[in-house]
């Protein structure tokens, strides 16, 4: 009897050991990935509290003493806040265009039956593979013909166009998951399809709409190539362009460059952290659909 018990517990112990080892490996990989992301951010933020001499003498180390001058000088300059305002305007316009056009495009792809629907949806998914760099020359010529160069709208429109594929890919399964019985009941009550979209489908799709809005906003905020292509005047530059110009202007002052870079990251990081749960909720809803 004791031998039977021994043979039964050995596989269980082995299985428990494998599960523990698997969890340990997952945690180790997660810690490594977190370190890869967090350590450079901490280096930039802490480097802004040091002087260039301290960084040259000890590249890796804590500020000693802490120097607030870099941050206060940059935060007190009007040019920095002009860059923030320009980025905010472009990001808000691009986000509004992405959400509105993406919802209108995802609605028929999710709720209508017509020939070529899946082919059209496949075309949107292929848009995820289309890099911005490939379209630089034709995009520049098109914007020049439309007199949209050195204009915030000339940046927001292409950003919205390039953000449309991922928006449709997220919204379509979410909208398809809404029961057809709900739409049938709305039609019986005299609701048109457009009214159903505006009054019922859009409110129910708010988690997914919030997700695509956040992704579009952060993507526009961090965009560099399109603003570089379109914007010529420093008064119209966005934060990424400002960071690049600041790095060229103060090449010898590493600490000041790090402080400027850290401050430029704060709005997007804060926005992303505050909206993290909504992003996960919207994506999980789309996957379930």
Protein backbone atom coordinates (compact mmCIF):
# COMPACT_ATOMS: atom_id res chain seq x y z
CA UNK A 1 0.00 0.00 0.00
CA UNK A 2 2.83 2.37 0.85
CA UNK A 3 4.45 1.63 -2.53
CA UNK A 4 1.25 2.59 -4.35
CA UNK A 5 1.11 5.88 -2.47
CA UNK A 6 4.74 6.55 -3.30
CA UNK A 7 4.21 5.94 -7.02
CA UNK A 8 1.19 8.28 -6.98
CA UNK A 9 2.85 11.20 -5.29
CA UNK A 10 6.01 11.21 -7.42
CA UNK A 11 4.31 12.34 -10.69
CA UNK A 12 2.35 14.95 -8.75
CA UNK A 13 5.52 16.35 -7.21
CA UNK A 14 7.20 16.38 -10.61
CA UNK A 15 4.23 18.21 -12.15
CA UNK A 16 4.23 20.79 -9.35
CA UNK A 17 7.96 21.33 -9.82
CA UNK A 18 7.48 21.91 -13.56
CA UNK A 19 4.70 24.42 -12.91
CA UNK A 20 6.88 26.25 -10.37
CA UNK A 21 9.77 26.30 -12.84
CA UNK A 22 7.47 27.60 -15.58
CA UNK A 23 6.21 30.41 -13.35
CA UNK A 24 9.76 31.29 -12.37
CA UNK A 25 10.78 31.52 -16.04
CA UNK A 26 7.76 33.71 -16.84
CA UNK A 27 8.58 36.05 -13.95
CA UNK A 28 12.24 36.17 -14.99
CA UNK A 29 11.35 37.09 -18.59
CA UNK A 30 8.85 39.70 -17.34
CA UNK A 31 11.49 41.26 -15.07
CA UNK A 32 14.03 41.36 -17.90
CA UNK A 33 11.56 43.03 -20.25
CA UNK A 34 10.54 45.49 -17.55
CA UNK A 35 14.19 46.33 -16.90
CA UNK A 36 14.80 46.89 -20.62
CA UNK A 37 11.97 49.44 -20.66
CA UNK A 38 12.35 51.06 -17.24
CA UNK A 39 16.13 51.39 -16.88
CA UNK A 40 16.59 53.74 -19.90
CA UNK A 41 13.66 55.87 -18.69
CA UNK A 42 15.17 56.14 -15.21
CA UNK A 43 18.55 57.01 -16.69
CA UNK A 44 17.03 59.85 -18.73
CA UNK A 45 14.95 61.20 -15.83
CA UNK A 46 17.74 61.01 -13.25
CA UNK A 47 20.28 62.33 -15.75
CA UNK A 48 18.24 65.52 -15.99
CA UNK A 49 18.86 66.12 -12.29
CA UNK A 50 22.63 65.95 -12.77
CA UNK A 51 25.15 68.21 -14.46
CA UNK A 52 27.09 67.38 -17.59
CA UNK A 53 30.26 67.26 -15.50
CA UNK A 54 28.76 64.70 -13.15
CA UNK A 55 27.65 62.55 -16.10
CA UNK A 56 31.11 62.73 -17.67
CA UNK A 57 32.82 61.82 -14.40
CA UNK A 58 30.36 59.05 -13.50
CA UNK A 59 28.07 58.05 -16.40
CA UNK A 60 26.01 55.70 -14.20
CA UNK A 61 25.07 57.07 -10.82
CA UNK A 62 22.55 58.99 -8.77
CA UNK A 63 22.47 62.80 -8.73
CA UNK A 64 24.73 64.13 -6.01
CA UNK A 65 23.77 66.85 -5.39
CA UNK A 66 20.37 67.01 -7.08
CA UNK A 67 20.22 69.76 -9.70
CA UNK A 68 16.76 71.18 -10.45
CA UNK A 69 18.04 73.90 -12.75
CA UNK A 70 17.72 71.92 -15.98
CA UNK A 71 14.06 71.08 -15.42
CA UNK A 72 13.03 74.49 -14.11
CA UNK A 73 14.74 76.30 -16.97
CA UNK A 74 13.05 74.18 -19.63
CA UNK A 75 9.64 74.17 -17.92
CA UNK A 76 9.82 77.96 -17.62
CA UNK A 77 10.52 78.55 -21.31
CA UNK A 78 7.70 79.50 -23.64
CA UNK A 79 9.20 77.55 -26.55
CA UNK A 80 8.74 74.25 -24.73
CA UNK A 81 5.06 74.89 -24.06
CA UNK A 82 4.56 76.00 -27.67
CA UNK A 83 5.84 72.59 -28.75
CA UNK A 84 3.46 70.94 -26.29
CA UNK A 85 0.52 72.96 -27.62
CA UNK A 86 1.38 72.10 -31.24
CA UNK A 87 1.62 68.39 -30.42
CA UNK A 88 -1.65 68.54 -28.48
CA UNK A 89 -3.57 70.19 -31.33
CA UNK A 90 -2.29 67.74 -33.94
CA UNK A 91 -2.89 64.72 -31.70
CA UNK A 92 -6.45 65.78 -30.87
CA UNK A 93 -7.35 66.42 -34.52
CA UNK A 94 -5.81 63.14 -35.66
CA UNK A 95 -7.54 61.23 -32.86
CA UNK A 96 -10.95 62.72 -33.66
CA UNK A 97 -10.54 61.85 -37.35
CA UNK A 98 -9.38 58.30 -36.57
CA UNK A 99 -12.24 57.56 -34.19
CA UNK A 100 -14.95 59.05 -36.40
CA UNK A 101 -13.85 57.54 -39.72
CA UNK A 102 -12.80 54.24 -38.13
CA UNK A 103 -16.20 53.77 -36.48
CA UNK A 104 -18.02 54.61 -39.72
CA UNK A 105 -15.83 52.15 -41.66
CA UNK A 106 -16.07 49.35 -39.08
CA UNK A 107 -19.87 49.58 -38.83
CA UNK A 108 -20.75 48.24 -42.31
CA UNK A 109 -17.88 45.75 -42.19
CA UNK A 110 -19.28 44.37 -38.93
CA UNK A 111 -23.06 44.59 -39.37
CA UNK A 112 -23.78 44.54 -43.15
CA UNK A 113 -23.71 41.60 -45.55
CA UNK A 114 -22.41 42.52 -49.00
CA UNK A 115 -20.18 41.06 -51.68
CA UNK A 116 -16.51 41.77 -51.16
CA UNK A 117 -16.85 42.58 -47.47
CA UNK A 118 -14.08 40.25 -46.35
CA UNK A 119 -11.82 41.40 -49.18
CA UNK A 120 -12.31 45.00 -48.08
CA UNK A 121 -11.56 44.08 -44.49
CA UNK A 122 -8.42 42.26 -45.66
CA UNK A 123 -7.37 45.45 -47.41
CA UNK A 124 -7.59 47.30 -44.11
CA UNK A 125 -5.53 44.63 -42.36
CA UNK A 126 -2.88 44.87 -45.07
CA UNK A 127 -2.67 48.55 -44.23
CA UNK A 128 -1.01 47.52 -40.97
CA UNK A 129 1.99 46.39 -43.02
CA UNK A 130 2.31 49.65 -44.98
CA UNK A 131 5.19 51.72 -43.58
CA UNK A 132 5.05 55.49 -43.53
CA UNK A 133 8.48 55.79 -45.11
CA UNK A 134 7.30 54.21 -48.35
CA UNK A 135 4.72 56.97 -48.86
CA UNK A 136 7.01 59.91 -48.06
CA UNK A 137 7.50 61.20 -51.61
CA UNK A 138 3.91 60.87 -52.94
CA UNK A 139 2.55 62.16 -49.63
CA UNK A 140 4.77 65.22 -49.79
CA UNK A 141 3.71 65.97 -53.36
CA UNK A 142 0.04 65.53 -52.48
CA UNK A 143 0.25 67.84 -49.47
CA UNK A 144 2.12 70.41 -51.53
CA UNK A 145 -0.61 70.38 -54.18
CA UNK A 146 -3.23 70.82 -51.43
CA UNK A 147 -1.27 73.70 -49.84
CA UNK A 148 -1.07 71.78 -46.56
CA UNK A 149 2.68 71.98 -46.03
CA UNK A 150 3.79 73.64 -42.78
CA UNK A 151 0.25 73.17 -41.50
CA UNK A 152 -1.06 71.18 -38.54
CA UNK A 153 -3.84 69.73 -40.70
CA UNK A 154 -1.22 68.45 -43.15
CA UNK A 155 0.20 66.32 -40.32
CA UNK A 156 -3.08 65.27 -38.70
CA UNK A 157 -4.71 63.99 -41.91
CA UNK A 158 -1.93 61.51 -42.86
CA UNK A 159 -1.62 60.38 -39.24
CA UNK A 160 -5.34 59.64 -39.19
CA UNK A 161 -5.06 57.75 -42.49
CA UNK A 162 -2.20 55.58 -41.21
CA UNK A 163 -4.05 54.98 -37.93
CA UNK A 164 -7.24 53.86 -39.68
CA UNK A 165 -6.26 50.18 -40.30
CA UNK A 166 -5.59 49.32 -36.66
CA UNK A 167 -8.75 51.20 -35.67
CA UNK A 168 -10.92 49.13 -38.00
CA UNK A 169 -9.22 45.90 -36.94
CA UNK A 170 -10.04 46.64 -33.27
CA UNK A 171 -13.56 48.01 -33.77
CA UNK A 172 -14.94 45.43 -36.19
CA UNK A 173 -14.91 42.36 -33.90
CA UNK A 174 -16.20 44.50 -31.03
CA UNK A 175 -19.17 45.69 -33.09
CA UNK A 176 -19.84 42.21 -34.43
CA UNK A 177 -20.09 40.86 -30.89
CA UNK A 178 -23.16 43.01 -30.17
CA UNK A 179 -26.22 40.69 -30.52
CA UNK A 180 -28.25 40.93 -33.71
CA UNK A 181 -31.44 40.65 -31.61
CA UNK A 182 -30.68 44.10 -30.23
CA UNK A 183 -30.59 45.55 -33.73
CA UNK A 184 -33.78 43.71 -34.69
CA UNK A 185 -35.56 45.16 -31.65
CA UNK A 186 -34.36 48.64 -32.57
CA UNK A 187 -35.65 48.23 -36.15
CA UNK A 188 -39.03 47.08 -34.85
CA UNK A 189 -39.18 50.24 -32.73
CA UNK A 190 -38.69 52.30 -35.89
CA UNK A 191 -34.95 52.87 -35.57
CA UNK A 192 -33.01 53.23 -38.81
CA UNK A 193 -29.57 51.68 -39.22
CA UNK A 194 -27.89 55.05 -38.86
CA UNK A 195 -29.90 55.75 -35.71
CA UNK A 196 -29.00 52.31 -34.38
CA UNK A 197 -25.34 53.11 -35.02
CA UNK A 198 -25.46 56.48 -33.28
CA UNK A 199 -27.81 55.72 -30.39
CA UNK A 200 -27.00 52.10 -29.54
CA UNK A 201 -23.88 50.77 -31.24
CA UNK A 202 -21.59 53.72 -30.47
CA UNK A 203 -22.46 53.85 -26.72
CA UNK A 204 -22.00 50.07 -26.42
CA UNK A 205 -18.66 50.29 -28.25
CA UNK A 206 -17.23 52.99 -25.98
CA UNK A 207 -14.54 50.69 -24.49
CA UNK A 208 -13.17 49.89 -27.96
CA UNK A 209 -13.56 53.50 -29.11
CA UNK A 210 -11.63 54.66 -26.06
CA UNK A 211 -8.89 52.16 -26.82
CA UNK A 212 -8.41 53.27 -30.42
CA UNK A 213 -8.57 56.92 -29.34
CA UNK A 214 -5.77 56.38 -26.82
CA UNK A 215 -3.62 54.48 -29.31
CA UNK A 216 -4.16 57.17 -31.95
CA UNK A 217 -3.34 59.97 -29.51
CA UNK A 218 -0.12 58.38 -28.25
CA UNK A 219 0.93 57.44 -31.79
CA UNK A 220 0.37 60.99 -33.03
CA UNK A 221 2.14 62.48 -30.02
CA UNK A 222 5.25 60.39 -30.65
CA UNK A 223 5.25 60.74 -34.46
CA UNK A 224 8.48 62.14 -35.90
CA UNK A 225 8.70 61.41 -39.63
CA UNK A 226 5.44 63.05 -40.73
CA UNK A 227 5.99 66.30 -38.79
CA UNK A 228 9.57 66.38 -40.08
CA UNK A 229 8.27 66.02 -43.63
CA UNK A 230 5.49 68.59 -43.40
CA UNK A 231 6.48 71.24 -40.85
CA UNK A 232 9.18 73.77 -41.73
CA UNK A 233 8.59 76.66 -39.32
CA UNK A 234 9.88 76.21 -35.74
CA UNK A 235 6.64 77.82 -34.54
CA UNK A 236 4.73 74.80 -35.88
CA UNK A 237 7.08 72.07 -34.66
CA UNK A 238 5.89 69.24 -32.42
CA UNK A 239 7.69 67.92 -29.35
CA UNK A 240 9.66 65.16 -31.15
CA UNK A 241 11.00 67.74 -33.60
CA UNK A 242 11.75 70.05 -30.68
CA UNK A 243 13.71 67.31 -28.92
CA UNK A 244 15.75 66.66 -32.07
CA UNK A 245 16.49 70.35 -32.55
CA UNK A 246 17.30 70.80 -28.86
CA UNK A 247 19.76 67.91 -29.00
CA UNK A 248 21.51 69.52 -31.96
CA UNK A 249 21.52 72.96 -30.33
CA UNK A 250 22.95 71.82 -26.98
CA UNK A 251 25.18 68.98 -28.12
CA UNK A 252 27.74 69.60 -25.37
CA UNK A 253 25.17 69.82 -22.53
CA UNK A 254 24.09 66.22 -22.05
CA UNK A 255 22.23 66.83 -18.80
CA UNK A 256 20.05 69.54 -20.32
CA UNK A 257 19.22 67.31 -23.28
CA UNK A 258 18.21 64.51 -20.91
CA UNK A 259 15.99 66.89 -18.95
CA UNK A 260 14.28 68.13 -22.11
CA UNK A 261 13.74 64.55 -23.29
CA UNK A 262 12.30 63.53 -19.91
CA UNK A 263 9.85 66.43 -19.85
CA UNK A 264 8.75 65.66 -23.41
CA UNK A 265 7.88 62.11 -22.37
CA UNK A 266 5.77 63.07 -19.35
CA UNK A 267 2.45 63.91 -21.11
CA UNK A 268 2.35 60.74 -23.22
CA UNK A 269 3.47 58.50 -20.34
CA UNK A 270 0.94 60.01 -17.94
CA UNK A 271 -1.84 59.71 -20.50
CA UNK A 272 -0.92 56.10 -21.26
CA UNK A 273 -0.65 55.08 -17.59
CA UNK A 274 -3.99 56.64 -16.68
CA UNK A 275 -5.72 54.99 -19.64
CA UNK A 276 -4.03 51.57 -19.39
CA UNK A 277 -7.10 49.76 -18.04
CA UNK A 278 -9.31 51.17 -20.75
CA UNK A 279 -6.85 49.98 -23.41
CA UNK A 280 -6.84 46.44 -22.02
CA UNK A 281 -10.63 46.44 -21.63
CA UNK A 282 -11.21 47.55 -25.20
CA UNK A 283 -8.77 45.03 -26.66
CA UNK A 284 -10.12 42.14 -24.58
CA UNK A 285 -13.64 43.03 -25.68
CA UNK A 286 -12.57 42.95 -29.29
CA UNK A 287 -10.86 39.59 -28.87
CA UNK A 288 -13.94 38.07 -27.24
CA UNK A 289 -16.01 39.24 -30.19
